Protein backbone atom coordinates (compact mmCIF):
# COMPACT_ATOMS: atom_id res chain seq x y z
CA MET A 1 -12.99 -75.03 -27.00
CA ASP A 2 -15.94 -72.82 -26.13
CA LEU A 3 -14.27 -69.96 -24.31
CA VAL A 4 -17.59 -68.31 -23.48
CA ASP A 5 -18.09 -71.17 -21.01
CA GLN A 6 -15.05 -69.90 -19.12
CA LEU A 7 -15.63 -66.16 -19.36
CA SER A 8 -18.39 -63.93 -18.13
CA PRO A 9 -19.56 -61.58 -20.89
CA ASP A 10 -18.69 -58.79 -18.46
CA ASP A 11 -15.03 -59.82 -18.77
CA VAL A 12 -15.00 -59.10 -22.51
CA PRO A 13 -15.36 -55.44 -23.55
CA ILE A 14 -17.81 -55.04 -26.43
CA PRO A 15 -16.09 -53.48 -29.45
CA GLU A 16 -17.37 -50.03 -30.37
CA ILE A 17 -18.51 -51.12 -33.83
CA VAL A 18 -20.60 -53.89 -32.27
CA ILE A 19 -22.28 -51.34 -30.00
CA THR A 20 -22.96 -49.18 -33.04
CA LEU A 21 -24.38 -52.10 -35.02
CA ALA A 22 -26.56 -53.10 -32.07
CA ALA A 23 -28.25 -49.68 -32.13
CA GLY A 24 -29.58 -50.10 -28.61
CA GLN A 25 -30.31 -53.83 -28.82
CA ASP A 26 -28.59 -56.37 -26.60
CA ALA A 27 -25.34 -57.76 -27.99
CA GLU A 28 -25.03 -61.29 -26.63
CA LEU A 29 -21.52 -62.78 -26.71
CA VAL A 30 -21.91 -66.32 -28.06
CA TRP A 31 -18.32 -67.24 -28.94
CA ARG A 32 -14.72 -66.18 -28.39
CA ASN A 33 -11.92 -67.95 -30.20
CA GLU A 34 -8.35 -68.35 -29.06
CA LEU A 35 -7.16 -65.63 -31.46
CA GLY A 36 -9.33 -62.96 -29.87
CA GLY A 37 -12.19 -63.10 -32.36
CA LEU A 38 -15.64 -62.39 -30.92
CA THR A 39 -19.07 -63.42 -32.15
CA TYR A 40 -22.26 -61.70 -30.99
CA ARG A 41 -25.95 -62.29 -31.55
CA ILE A 42 -27.91 -59.07 -32.07
CA GLY A 43 -31.58 -59.78 -32.64
CA SER A 44 -31.83 -61.84 -35.81
CA THR A 45 -28.23 -61.20 -36.89
CA ILE A 46 -24.79 -62.51 -36.00
CA VAL A 47 -21.75 -60.21 -35.85
CA LYS A 48 -18.25 -61.64 -36.14
CA TRP A 49 -15.48 -59.26 -35.06
CA ASN A 50 -11.80 -60.12 -35.50
CA PRO A 51 -8.83 -57.98 -34.45
CA ARG A 52 -6.33 -57.50 -37.27
CA GLN A 53 -3.53 -59.12 -35.26
CA SER A 54 -5.48 -62.39 -35.18
CA GLY A 55 -4.33 -63.17 -38.72
CA VAL A 56 -7.88 -64.15 -39.72
CA ASP A 57 -9.19 -62.34 -42.81
CA LEU A 58 -12.98 -62.12 -42.69
CA ARG A 59 -13.02 -61.02 -46.34
CA ARG A 60 -12.31 -64.64 -47.25
CA GLU A 61 -15.37 -65.83 -45.39
CA HIS A 62 -17.45 -62.96 -46.82
CA GLU A 63 -16.66 -64.07 -50.39
CA ARG A 64 -17.28 -67.74 -49.70
CA LEU A 65 -20.55 -67.16 -47.87
CA LYS A 66 -21.97 -65.33 -50.87
CA TRP A 67 -21.38 -68.50 -52.90
CA ILE A 68 -22.24 -71.25 -50.41
CA SER A 69 -25.33 -69.59 -48.89
CA THR A 70 -27.22 -69.94 -52.20
CA ARG A 71 -26.50 -73.68 -52.22
CA HIS A 72 -26.54 -74.74 -48.56
CA PRO A 73 -27.94 -73.65 -45.16
CA ALA A 74 -25.14 -71.19 -44.42
CA PRO A 75 -25.24 -67.61 -43.11
CA ARG A 76 -26.42 -64.95 -45.58
CA VAL A 77 -24.21 -61.86 -45.55
CA VAL A 78 -25.95 -58.66 -44.44
CA SER A 79 -22.95 -56.31 -44.33
CA ALA A 80 -19.22 -56.18 -43.68
CA GLY A 81 -16.60 -53.60 -42.79
CA ALA A 82 -13.13 -52.88 -41.45
CA ASP A 83 -11.07 -50.21 -39.76
CA ASP A 84 -7.44 -50.00 -38.64
CA ARG A 85 -8.14 -52.24 -35.61
CA ALA A 86 -10.45 -54.97 -36.83
CA GLN A 87 -12.75 -56.50 -39.42
CA TRP A 88 -16.40 -57.41 -38.92
CA LEU A 89 -18.98 -59.45 -40.76
CA VAL A 90 -22.74 -59.29 -40.18
CA THR A 91 -24.89 -62.24 -41.26
CA ALA A 92 -28.45 -63.39 -40.81
CA ALA A 93 -28.74 -65.86 -37.94
CA LEU A 94 -29.53 -69.47 -38.80
CA PRO A 95 -31.98 -71.64 -36.82
CA GLY A 96 -30.57 -74.03 -34.25
CA GLU A 97 -27.69 -73.90 -31.81
CA THR A 98 -24.09 -75.02 -31.97
CA ALA A 99 -23.43 -78.74 -31.64
CA VAL A 100 -21.21 -78.02 -28.62
CA SER A 101 -23.83 -76.26 -26.51
CA ASP A 102 -24.38 -77.78 -23.09
CA SER A 103 -27.58 -79.48 -24.26
CA TRP A 104 -25.85 -81.23 -27.19
CA ARG A 105 -22.75 -82.13 -25.23
CA ALA A 106 -25.15 -84.08 -23.03
CA ARG A 107 -26.55 -85.85 -26.12
CA PRO A 108 -23.43 -86.69 -28.13
CA THR A 109 -24.92 -89.50 -30.23
CA GLU A 110 -27.57 -87.19 -31.64
CA ALA A 111 -24.99 -84.43 -32.10
CA LEU A 112 -22.58 -86.59 -34.09
CA ARG A 113 -25.42 -87.73 -36.36
CA ALA A 114 -26.26 -84.10 -37.10
CA ILE A 115 -22.61 -83.29 -37.78
CA ALA A 116 -22.39 -86.22 -40.20
CA ALA A 117 -25.60 -85.14 -41.95
CA GLY A 118 -24.29 -81.61 -42.45
CA LEU A 119 -21.03 -82.82 -43.93
CA ARG A 120 -22.82 -85.22 -46.27
CA ALA A 121 -24.88 -82.28 -47.52
CA ILE A 122 -21.80 -80.12 -48.10
CA HIS A 123 -20.00 -82.91 -49.90
CA ALA A 124 -23.00 -83.38 -52.20
CA ILE A 125 -22.93 -79.76 -53.45
CA SER A 126 -21.91 -79.35 -57.08
CA PRO A 127 -18.55 -77.55 -57.25
CA VAL A 128 -19.51 -75.90 -60.56
CA GLY A 129 -18.94 -72.17 -60.31
CA MET A 130 -16.64 -72.21 -57.28
CA PRO A 131 -13.61 -69.96 -57.95
CA SER A 132 -10.55 -72.18 -58.42
CA GLY A 133 -8.36 -69.86 -56.39
CA TRP A 134 -10.22 -70.64 -53.19
CA THR A 135 -8.82 -74.16 -53.07
CA THR A 136 -5.22 -72.98 -53.43
CA GLN A 137 -5.80 -70.55 -50.52
CA SER A 138 -7.04 -73.31 -48.20
CA TRP A 139 -4.94 -75.57 -46.01
CA VAL A 140 -6.59 -78.60 -47.64
CA SER A 141 -4.49 -78.12 -50.79
CA ALA A 142 -1.11 -77.74 -49.07
CA GLU A 143 1.50 -80.44 -49.73
CA PRO A 144 4.30 -80.00 -47.18
CA PRO A 145 7.25 -82.32 -47.93
CA SER A 146 7.38 -83.34 -44.26
CA LEU A 147 4.13 -85.31 -44.64
CA GLY A 148 5.24 -87.35 -47.62
CA PRO A 149 3.04 -88.10 -50.66
CA ARG A 150 -0.55 -86.91 -50.51
CA PRO A 151 -3.14 -89.74 -50.73
CA SER A 152 -4.82 -89.76 -54.14
CA VAL A 153 -8.11 -87.87 -54.38
CA ASP A 154 -10.37 -90.15 -56.40
CA ASP A 155 -13.63 -88.33 -55.70
CA PRO A 156 -13.09 -84.57 -55.15
CA VAL A 157 -15.95 -82.79 -53.40
CA VAL A 158 -16.78 -79.41 -51.91
CA VAL A 159 -15.18 -79.43 -48.45
CA HIS A 160 -16.04 -77.17 -45.53
CA GLY A 161 -12.41 -76.71 -44.48
CA ASP A 162 -13.11 -76.29 -40.74
CA ALA A 163 -15.41 -79.18 -39.89
CA CYS A 164 -14.94 -79.05 -36.11
CA ALA A 165 -18.11 -79.81 -34.16
CA PRO A 166 -18.89 -76.19 -33.13
CA ASN A 167 -19.49 -75.28 -36.79
CA THR A 168 -22.58 -77.48 -37.08
CA LEU A 169 -25.97 -76.13 -35.95
CA ILE A 170 -28.70 -78.43 -34.61
CA SER A 171 -32.44 -77.83 -34.30
CA GLU A 172 -34.44 -78.43 -31.11
CA GLU A 173 -35.59 -81.72 -32.65
CA GLY A 174 -32.01 -82.93 -33.01
CA GLU A 175 -31.74 -82.43 -36.77
CA TRP A 176 -28.87 -80.74 -38.57
CA SER A 177 -29.99 -77.20 -39.46
CA GLY A 178 -26.92 -75.49 -40.96
CA ASN A 179 -23.20 -74.85 -40.90
CA VAL A 180 -21.02 -71.81 -40.19
CA ASP A 181 -17.38 -70.64 -40.58
CA PHE A 182 -16.61 -71.21 -44.26
CA GLY A 183 -13.32 -69.32 -44.54
CA ASP A 184 -11.50 -72.40 -45.87
CA LEU A 185 -14.14 -73.62 -48.33
CA ALA A 186 -12.42 -75.60 -51.08
CA ILE A 187 -12.59 -78.56 -53.44
CA GLY A 188 -10.70 -81.61 -52.27
CA ASP A 189 -10.80 -84.91 -50.43
CA ARG A 190 -13.84 -85.43 -48.17
CA TRP A 191 -11.38 -86.82 -45.62
CA ALA A 192 -10.05 -83.30 -45.06
CA ASP A 193 -13.39 -82.72 -43.30
CA LEU A 194 -13.98 -86.19 -41.89
CA ALA A 195 -10.54 -86.46 -40.26
CA VAL A 196 -10.94 -83.13 -38.47
CA ALA A 197 -14.61 -83.59 -37.56
CA SER A 198 -13.98 -86.99 -35.98
CA LEU A 199 -11.01 -85.67 -34.02
CA SER A 200 -13.07 -82.77 -32.69
CA LEU A 201 -15.56 -85.25 -31.21
CA ASP A 202 -12.87 -86.27 -28.71
CA TRP A 203 -12.35 -82.66 -27.64
CA ASN A 204 -16.01 -81.77 -27.31
CA TYR A 205 -17.77 -84.97 -26.16
CA GLY A 206 -15.05 -87.35 -25.01
CA GLU A 207 -13.37 -90.28 -26.70
CA GLY A 208 -15.04 -93.35 -28.15
CA LEU A 209 -17.43 -91.78 -30.67
CA GLN A 210 -15.40 -91.69 -33.86
CA ASP A 211 -16.52 -95.03 -35.27
CA ARG A 212 -20.16 -94.10 -34.66
CA PHE A 213 -19.55 -90.85 -36.54
CA PHE A 214 -18.12 -92.65 -39.58
CA GLU A 215 -21.05 -95.06 -39.48
CA ALA A 216 -23.50 -92.14 -39.38
CA TYR A 217 -21.78 -90.55 -42.37
CA GLY A 218 -21.80 -93.88 -44.20
CA ILE A 219 -18.10 -94.53 -44.72
CA GLU A 220 -15.41 -96.86 -43.41
CA ARG A 221 -12.37 -95.56 -41.58
CA ASP A 222 -9.42 -94.75 -43.82
CA GLU A 223 -6.43 -94.61 -41.50
CA GLU A 224 -4.03 -93.31 -44.14
CA ARG A 225 -6.21 -90.32 -44.96
CA ILE A 226 -7.12 -89.69 -41.33
CA ARG A 227 -3.44 -89.48 -40.35
CA TYR A 228 -2.53 -87.34 -43.34
CA TYR A 229 -5.28 -84.75 -43.04
CA ARG A 230 -5.07 -84.43 -39.27
CA SER A 231 -1.33 -83.79 -39.60
CA LEU A 232 -1.93 -81.31 -42.43
CA TRP A 233 -4.65 -79.52 -40.43
CA HIS A 234 -2.37 -79.18 -37.39
CA LEU A 235 0.34 -77.67 -39.58
CA GLY A 236 -2.10 -75.16 -41.05
CA SER A 237 -3.96 -74.21 -37.87
């Protein structure tokens, strides 16, 4: 859900650290999540600000971005910080706009193709050098007894970990241009991404697009893995 669509920027006080980082430039609110996290564009940078009570640790994303941004179109870290109220992360802005902007919601077929292209690119990254502890920290590795046996992972890949549509960026020409929000980067089953990405199409564009998404990615539906990873994601979110 894009909460900026429902809120005027005037309704959201700008955190003091964001004002300081802006140094007189405009701080444009581009995203607000349901946990109170705020994302601003300041010139050619993006500032993510999360209150400590949100439970989101931006240090995780900071570490993962340093790894993934040398291998994939992902935000390059500029700086980071924290105080007793919040954490913040400053990155270089990537080209393109979110796949759930008004313009791409009106062109869902092109958007889903871009989302599929971005996930294919992530899943093709060599996992060599990724710290093993990251996977154990991600929801994708959890095995709650309530879900029964985990489907076998025959072809482990680098997975985004939060493959919802808003985390894909699309160029003006309709091409995938990058991905954001890598706090749950891990090695695992590609269906951990595909199950969540396809579900998010329903939320952001309306139902009826999932099969076209799988076709664009180049894979057949796997109902067992779709059910398992959607249930696991809901438990971890």
